[in-house]
C-alpha atoms as a PDB file:
ATOM      1  CA  MET A   1      90.423  25.938  48.830  1.00  0.00           C
ATOM      2  CA  ALA A   2      94.077  24.995  48.565  1.00  0.00           C
ATOM      3  CA  THR A   3      95.359  22.430  51.041  1.00  0.00           C
ATOM      4  CA  GLY A   4      99.017  23.008  50.336  1.00  0.00           C
ATOM      5  CA  ALA A   5      99.433  19.353  49.367  1.00  0.00           C
ATOM      6  CA  ASP A   6     101.574  18.296  46.437  1.00  0.00           C
ATOM      7  CA  HIS A   7      99.088  17.300  43.723  1.00  0.00           C
ATOM      8  CA  SER A   8     101.705  15.263  41.838  1.00  0.00           C
ATOM      9  CA  ARG A   9     101.656  12.649  44.605  1.00  0.00           C
ATOM     10  CA  PRO A  10      99.257   9.730  44.458  1.00  0.00           C
ATOM     11  CA  PRO A  11      96.139  10.006  46.639  1.00  0.00           C
ATOM     12  CA  VAL A  12      96.567   8.888  50.244  1.00  0.00           C
ATOM     13  CA  PRO A  13      94.845   5.568  51.054  1.00  0.00           C
ATOM     14  CA  THR A  14      92.254   6.565  53.671  1.00  0.00           C
ATOM     15  CA  TRP A  15      90.038   4.465  55.911  1.00  0.00           C
ATOM     16  CA  LEU A  16      87.003   5.653  57.889  1.00  0.00           C
ATOM     17  CA  VAL A  17      86.763   3.682  61.135  1.00  0.00           C
ATOM     18  CA  THR A  18      83.492   3.219  63.013  1.00  0.00           C
ATOM     19  CA  GLY A  19      82.462   1.371  66.132  1.00  0.00           C
ATOM     20  CA  PRO A  20      80.561   1.805  69.378  1.00  0.00           C
ATOM     21  CA  ARG A  21      83.590   2.539  71.616  1.00  0.00           C
ATOM     22  CA  ALA A  22      86.775   4.558  71.198  1.00  0.00           C
ATOM     23  CA  GLY A  23      88.897   1.656  72.474  1.00  0.00           C
ATOM     24  CA  ALA A  24      87.424  -0.746  69.921  1.00  0.00           C
ATOM     25  CA  ARG A  25      88.040   1.715  67.071  1.00  0.00           C
ATOM     26  CA  GLU A  26      91.614   2.313  68.209  1.00  0.00           C
ATOM     27  CA  ALA A  27      92.291  -1.444  68.495  1.00  0.00           C
ATOM     28  CA  ALA A  28      90.905  -1.980  64.975  1.00  0.00           C
ATOM     29  CA  ILE A  29      93.234   0.708  63.628  1.00  0.00           C
ATOM     30  CA  ALA A  30      96.237  -0.704  65.524  1.00  0.00           C
ATOM     31  CA  ALA A  31      95.554  -4.150  64.030  1.00  0.00           C
ATOM     32  CA  HIS A  32      95.404  -2.634  60.526  1.00  0.00           C
ATOM     33  CA  LEU A  33      98.632  -0.588  60.720  1.00  0.00           C
ATOM     34  CA  PRO A  34     101.561  -1.822  58.647  1.00  0.00           C
ATOM     35  CA  LYS A  35     105.023  -1.579  60.196  1.00  0.00           C
ATOM     36  CA  ASP A  36     106.470   0.669  57.489  1.00  0.00           C
ATOM     37  CA  GLY A  37     105.526   4.026  56.029  1.00  0.00           C
ATOM     38  CA  LEU A  38     104.109   6.916  57.992  1.00  0.00           C
ATOM     39  CA  SER A  39     100.476   6.588  59.055  1.00  0.00           C
ATOM     40  CA  VAL A  40      98.397   9.442  60.441  1.00  0.00           C
ATOM     41  CA  ILE A  41      95.418   8.641  62.642  1.00  0.00           C
ATOM     42  CA  ILE A  42      92.718  11.241  63.289  1.00  0.00           C
ATOM     43  CA  LEU A  43      90.609  10.272  66.299  1.00  0.00           C
ATOM     44  CA  GLU A  44      87.356  12.041  67.055  1.00  0.00           C
ATOM     45  CA  GLY A  45      86.772  12.391  70.778  1.00  0.00           C
ATOM     46  CA  LEU A  46      88.613  11.232  73.859  1.00  0.00           C
ATOM     47  CA  SER A  47      90.182   7.858  74.516  1.00  0.00           C
ATOM     48  CA  ASP A  48      88.328   5.490  76.812  1.00  0.00           C
ATOM     49  CA  GLY A  49      91.584   4.584  78.541  1.00  0.00           C
ATOM     50  CA  GLY A  50      92.884   1.938  76.149  1.00  0.00           C
ATOM     51  CA  ALA A  51      96.476   2.029  74.980  1.00  0.00           C
ATOM     52  CA  ALA A  52      96.121   0.447  71.536  1.00  0.00           C
ATOM     53  CA  LEU A  53      97.471   3.586  69.856  1.00  0.00           C
ATOM     54  CA  ALA A  54     100.082   4.537  72.467  1.00  0.00           C
ATOM     55  CA  PHE A  55     103.429   4.041  70.767  1.00  0.00           C
ATOM     56  CA  ASP A  56     106.779   3.928  72.530  1.00  0.00           C
ATOM     57  CA  PRO A  57     109.618   4.216  70.023  1.00  0.00           C
ATOM     58  CA  GLU A  58     111.844   2.248  72.406  1.00  0.00           C
ATOM     59  CA  ASP A  59     109.514  -0.755  72.794  1.00  0.00           C
ATOM     60  CA  GLY A  60     107.244  -0.742  69.756  1.00  0.00           C
ATOM     61  CA  PRO A  61     107.467  -2.667  66.503  1.00  0.00           C
ATOM     62  CA  PHE A  62     107.692   0.549  64.465  1.00  0.00           C
ATOM     63  CA  PRO A  63     110.959   2.126  63.364  1.00  0.00           C
ATOM     64  CA  PHE A  64     111.245   5.647  64.789  1.00  0.00           C
ATOM     65  CA  ASP A  65     110.746   7.292  61.375  1.00  0.00           C
ATOM     66  CA  SER A  66     107.541   5.263  60.813  1.00  0.00           C
ATOM     67  CA  LEU A  67     105.962   5.889  64.205  1.00  0.00           C
ATOM     68  CA  PRO A  68     102.247   6.597  63.576  1.00  0.00           C
ATOM     69  CA  GLN A  69     101.106  10.143  64.274  1.00  0.00           C
ATOM     70  CA  VAL A  70      97.931  10.266  66.387  1.00  0.00           C
ATOM     71  CA  LEU A  71      95.815  13.432  66.289  1.00  0.00           C
ATOM     72  CA  ARG A  72      92.716  13.942  68.430  1.00  0.00           C
ATOM     73  CA  ILE A  73      89.931  16.305  67.460  1.00  0.00           C
ATOM     74  CA  ALA A  74      86.925  17.465  69.471  1.00  0.00           C
ATOM     75  CA  PRO A  75      83.931  15.129  69.457  1.00  0.00           C
ATOM     76  CA  GLY A  76      80.839  16.108  67.505  1.00  0.00           C
ATOM     77  CA  CYS A  77      79.287  15.006  64.257  1.00  0.00           C
ATOM     78  CA  LEU A  78      81.926  15.723  61.616  1.00  0.00           C
ATOM     79  CA  HIS A  79      79.183  16.097  59.020  1.00  0.00           C
ATOM     80  CA  CYS A  80      76.822  18.350  61.001  1.00  0.00           C
ATOM     81  CA  SER A  81      79.573  20.661  62.287  1.00  0.00           C
ATOM     82  CA  GLY A  82      80.244  21.860  58.753  1.00  0.00           C
ATOM     83  CA  ASN A  83      83.427  19.789  58.699  1.00  0.00           C
ATOM     84  CA  LEU A  84      85.451  22.769  59.942  1.00  0.00           C
ATOM     85  CA  ILE A  85      87.531  20.871  62.517  1.00  0.00           C
ATOM     86  CA  LEU A  86      88.147  17.974  60.150  1.00  0.00           C
ATOM     87  CA  ARG A  87      88.890  20.326  57.236  1.00  0.00           C
ATOM     88  CA  VAL A  88      91.560  22.203  59.204  1.00  0.00           C
ATOM     89  CA  THR A  89      93.111  18.954  60.457  1.00  0.00           C
ATOM     90  CA  LEU A  90      93.109  17.358  56.993  1.00  0.00           C
ATOM     91  CA  ASN A  91      94.657  20.442  55.427  1.00  0.00           C
ATOM     92  CA  ARG A  92      97.502  20.307  57.955  1.00  0.00           C
ATOM     93  CA  VAL A  93      98.033  16.570  57.473  1.00  0.00           C
ATOM     94  CA  LEU A  94      97.980  16.787  53.678  1.00  0.00           C
ATOM     95  CA  ARG A  95     100.720  19.422  53.549  1.00  0.00           C
ATOM     96  CA  ARG A  96     103.056  16.441  54.010  1.00  0.00           C
ATOM     97  CA  PRO A  97     100.902  13.506  52.940  1.00  0.00           C
ATOM     98  CA  PRO A  98     101.371  10.308  54.937  1.00  0.00           C
ATOM     99  CA  ALA A  99     101.515   6.827  53.410  1.00  0.00           C
ATOM    100  CA  ARG A 100      98.141   6.043  55.027  1.00  0.00           C
ATOM    101  CA  LEU A 101      95.384   7.948  56.823  1.00  0.00           C
ATOM    102  CA  TYR A 102      92.793   6.661  59.290  1.00  0.00           C
ATOM    103  CA  ILE A 103      89.831   8.736  60.477  1.00  0.00           C
ATOM    104  CA  SER A 104      88.024   7.329  63.511  1.00  0.00           C
ATOM    105  CA  LEU A 105      84.439   8.546  63.946  1.00  0.00           C
ATOM    106  CA  ALA A 106      82.659   8.739  67.297  1.00  0.00           C
ATOM    107  CA  SER A 107      79.337   8.220  65.488  1.00  0.00           C
ATOM    108  CA  ALA A 108      78.561   6.558  62.171  1.00  0.00           C
ATOM    109  CA  GLU A 109      75.219   8.379  61.887  1.00  0.00           C
ATOM    110  CA  HIS A 110      76.294  10.411  58.851  1.00  0.00           C
ATOM    111  CA  LEU A 111      79.066   8.135  57.568  1.00  0.00           C
ATOM    112  CA  GLU A 112      77.880   8.129  53.957  1.00  0.00           C
ATOM    113  CA  GLN A 113      77.502  11.925  53.857  1.00  0.00           C
ATOM    114  CA  LEU A 114      81.026  12.315  55.243  1.00  0.00           C
ATOM    115  CA  ARG A 115      82.354   9.801  52.716  1.00  0.00           C
ATOM    116  CA  SER A 116      80.649  11.758  49.939  1.00  0.00           C
ATOM    117  CA  TRP A 117      82.154  15.040  51.205  1.00  0.00           C
ATOM    118  CA  LEU A 118      85.635  13.485  51.262  1.00  0.00           C
ATOM    119  CA  SER A 119      85.106  12.317  47.670  1.00  0.00           C
ATOM    120  CA  GLU A 120      84.469  15.874  46.435  1.00  0.00           C
ATOM    121  CA  ALA A 121      87.070  18.533  45.569  1.00  0.00           C
ATOM    122  CA  PRO A 122      89.620  19.156  46.884  1.00  0.00           C
ATOM    123  CA  TYR A 123      89.843  15.949  48.936  1.00  0.00           C
ATOM    124  CA  GLY A 124      88.604  13.631  46.190  1.00  0.00           C
ATOM    125  CA  ALA A 125      91.907  14.082  44.349  1.00  0.00           C
ATOM    126  CA  LEU A 126      94.008  13.863  47.525  1.00  0.00           C
ATOM    127  CA  LEU A 127      92.424  10.871  49.277  1.00  0.00           C
ATOM    128  CA  ASN A 128      91.857   7.333  48.036  1.00  0.00           C
ATOM    129  CA  LEU A 129      88.939   6.180  50.197  1.00  0.00           C
ATOM    130  CA  GLN A 130      89.151   2.497  51.089  1.00  0.00           C
ATOM    131  CA  ASP A 131      86.478   0.209  52.517  1.00  0.00           C
ATOM    132  CA  ASN A 132      85.325   1.303  55.974  1.00  0.00           C
ATOM    133  CA  ILE A 133      86.730  -0.473  59.002  1.00  0.00           C
ATOM    134  CA  ALA A 134      84.026  -1.505  61.478  1.00  0.00           C
ATOM    135  CA  ALA A 135      85.243  -2.114  65.023  1.00  0.00           C
END
């Protein structure tokens, strides 16, 4: 399955983020974000009202062209759902690969299976999985 990504580019450093609450996961990602280079953040589920990943280009520490892109996807086990929602979202993101990618999981129940899936073709060549971030 082609993702449309440019295979001559280096793999995108990617972190899987786990934790008991959406706000804690979002705060952990916000603390990990560098100030330069485009980051894309895929959040599973709804926010719990925190503003850790709400970016105002007027007030924030990020230059406008480096403002992180936050994408929310429907909650549900990303492994058990056949990965369809995540697959579609990843394919869209990887058409123009970011400098960094964060994937926040509502449940870590199948974290290792998801990590294994992301290590297989085609994503294994497109993503450079880093150590998990636990919130």
